[in-house]
Amino acid sequence: MNKPEFFITPGYGEYMLNNLHYSQAVKIGDRVETSGQGGWDDNLQIPESLADEICQRCGLKFA
């Protein structure tokens, strides 16, 4: 069985993790579950593809 990996967005995600034990995404094997917050940067630049948005939001990198 694959071990879960938890992800947060740098900045406010770190605060939420440290104070509320909150993660924005969990990856188990090739499956990613997200918590539903937006995947934009500080300048509200939303990536064109959903995969890129998830990667930006959670700090993930897919091959």
C-alpha atoms as a PDB file:
ATOM      1  CA  MET A   1       0.000   0.000   0.000  1.00  0.00           C
ATOM      2  CA  ASN A   2       1.256   3.496  -0.829  1.00  0.00           C
ATOM      3  CA  LYS A   3       2.041   5.909   1.983  1.00  0.00           C
ATOM      4  CA  PRO A   4      -0.018   9.146   1.923  1.00  0.00           C
ATOM      5  CA  GLU A   5       1.778  12.439   1.222  1.00  0.00           C
ATOM      6  CA  PHE A   6       0.224  15.677   2.513  1.00  0.00           C
ATOM      7  CA  PHE A   7       0.663  19.091   0.858  1.00  0.00           C
ATOM      8  CA  ILE A   8       0.098  22.728   1.771  1.00  0.00           C
ATOM      9  CA  THR A   9       0.501  26.024  -0.065  1.00  0.00           C
ATOM     10  CA  PRO A  10       3.462  28.052   1.233  1.00  0.00           C
ATOM     11  CA  GLY A  11       2.314  30.957   3.395  1.00  0.00           C
ATOM     12  CA  TYR A  12      -1.207  30.626   4.738  1.00  0.00           C
ATOM     13  CA  GLY A  13      -1.104  26.842   4.311  1.00  0.00           C
ATOM     14  CA  GLU A  14       1.759  26.660   6.799  1.00  0.00           C
ATOM     15  CA  TYR A  15      -0.281  28.658   9.308  1.00  0.00           C
ATOM     16  CA  MET A  16      -3.274  26.347   8.860  1.00  0.00           C
ATOM     17  CA  LEU A  17      -1.088  23.245   9.221  1.00  0.00           C
ATOM     18  CA  ASN A  18       0.685  24.482  12.343  1.00  0.00           C
ATOM     19  CA  ASN A  19      -2.452  25.758  14.078  1.00  0.00           C
ATOM     20  CA  LEU A  20      -5.241  23.497  12.809  1.00  0.00           C
ATOM     21  CA  HIS A  21      -3.441  20.361  11.521  1.00  0.00           C
ATOM     22  CA  TYR A  22      -4.888  21.152   8.090  1.00  0.00           C
ATOM     23  CA  SER A  23      -3.563  20.020   4.703  1.00  0.00           C
ATOM     24  CA  GLN A  24      -4.847  21.170   1.336  1.00  0.00           C
ATOM     25  CA  ALA A  25      -4.173  17.954  -0.519  1.00  0.00           C
ATOM     26  CA  VAL A  26      -3.253  14.352   0.041  1.00  0.00           C
ATOM     27  CA  LYS A  27      -1.633  12.112  -2.556  1.00  0.00           C
ATOM     28  CA  ILE A  28      -1.811   8.336  -2.282  1.00  0.00           C
ATOM     29  CA  GLY A  29      -0.161   6.580  -5.194  1.00  0.00           C
ATOM     30  CA  ASP A  30      -1.447   8.283  -8.353  1.00  0.00           C
ATOM     31  CA  ARG A  31      -4.587   9.693  -6.698  1.00  0.00           C
ATOM     32  CA  VAL A  32      -4.817  13.270  -5.353  1.00  0.00           C
ATOM     33  CA  GLU A  33      -7.652  14.511  -3.126  1.00  0.00           C
ATOM     34  CA  THR A  34      -7.915  18.276  -2.619  1.00  0.00           C
ATOM     35  CA  SER A  35      -9.759  20.360  -0.057  1.00  0.00           C
ATOM     36  CA  GLY A  36     -11.432  22.761  -2.483  1.00  0.00           C
ATOM     37  CA  GLN A  37      -9.684  26.101  -2.066  1.00  0.00           C
ATOM     38  CA  GLY A  38      -8.648  28.027  -5.170  1.00  0.00           C
ATOM     39  CA  GLY A  39      -5.458  27.301  -7.078  1.00  0.00           C
ATOM     40  CA  TRP A  40      -4.309  30.801  -7.883  1.00  0.00           C
ATOM     41  CA  ASP A  41      -1.180  32.725  -6.998  1.00  0.00           C
ATOM     42  CA  ASP A  42      -0.940  36.007  -5.062  1.00  0.00           C
ATOM     43  CA  ASN A  43      -1.623  37.948  -8.290  1.00  0.00           C
ATOM     44  CA  LEU A  44      -4.794  35.901  -8.983  1.00  0.00           C
ATOM     45  CA  GLN A  45      -3.214  34.292 -12.053  1.00  0.00           C
ATOM     46  CA  ILE A  46      -5.232  31.123 -12.608  1.00  0.00           C
ATOM     47  CA  PRO A  47      -3.449  28.414 -14.656  1.00  0.00           C
ATOM     48  CA  GLU A  48      -5.085  27.339 -17.912  1.00  0.00           C
ATOM     49  CA  SER A  49      -5.286  23.610 -17.159  1.00  0.00           C
ATOM     50  CA  LEU A  50      -6.811  21.983 -14.095  1.00  0.00           C
ATOM     51  CA  ALA A  51      -3.694  19.821 -13.652  1.00  0.00           C
ATOM     52  CA  ASP A  52      -1.483  22.938 -13.596  1.00  0.00           C
ATOM     53  CA  GLU A  53      -3.862  24.597 -11.124  1.00  0.00           C
ATOM     54  CA  ILE A  54      -3.663  21.613  -8.778  1.00  0.00           C
ATOM     55  CA  CYS A  55       0.119  21.504  -9.039  1.00  0.00           C
ATOM     56  CA  GLN A  56       0.438  25.245  -8.360  1.00  0.00           C
ATOM     57  CA  ARG A  57      -1.965  25.099  -5.462  1.00  0.00           C
ATOM     58  CA  CYS A  58      -0.472  22.119  -3.727  1.00  0.00           C
ATOM     59  CA  GLY A  59       3.162  22.375  -4.670  1.00  0.00           C
ATOM     60  CA  LEU A  60       2.937  19.090  -6.574  1.00  0.00           C
ATOM     61  CA  LYS A  61       4.961  18.174  -9.623  1.00  0.00           C
ATOM     62  CA  PHE A  62       3.791  15.452 -11.988  1.00  0.00           C
ATOM     63  CA  ALA A  63       5.896  13.815 -14.668  1.00  0.00           C
END
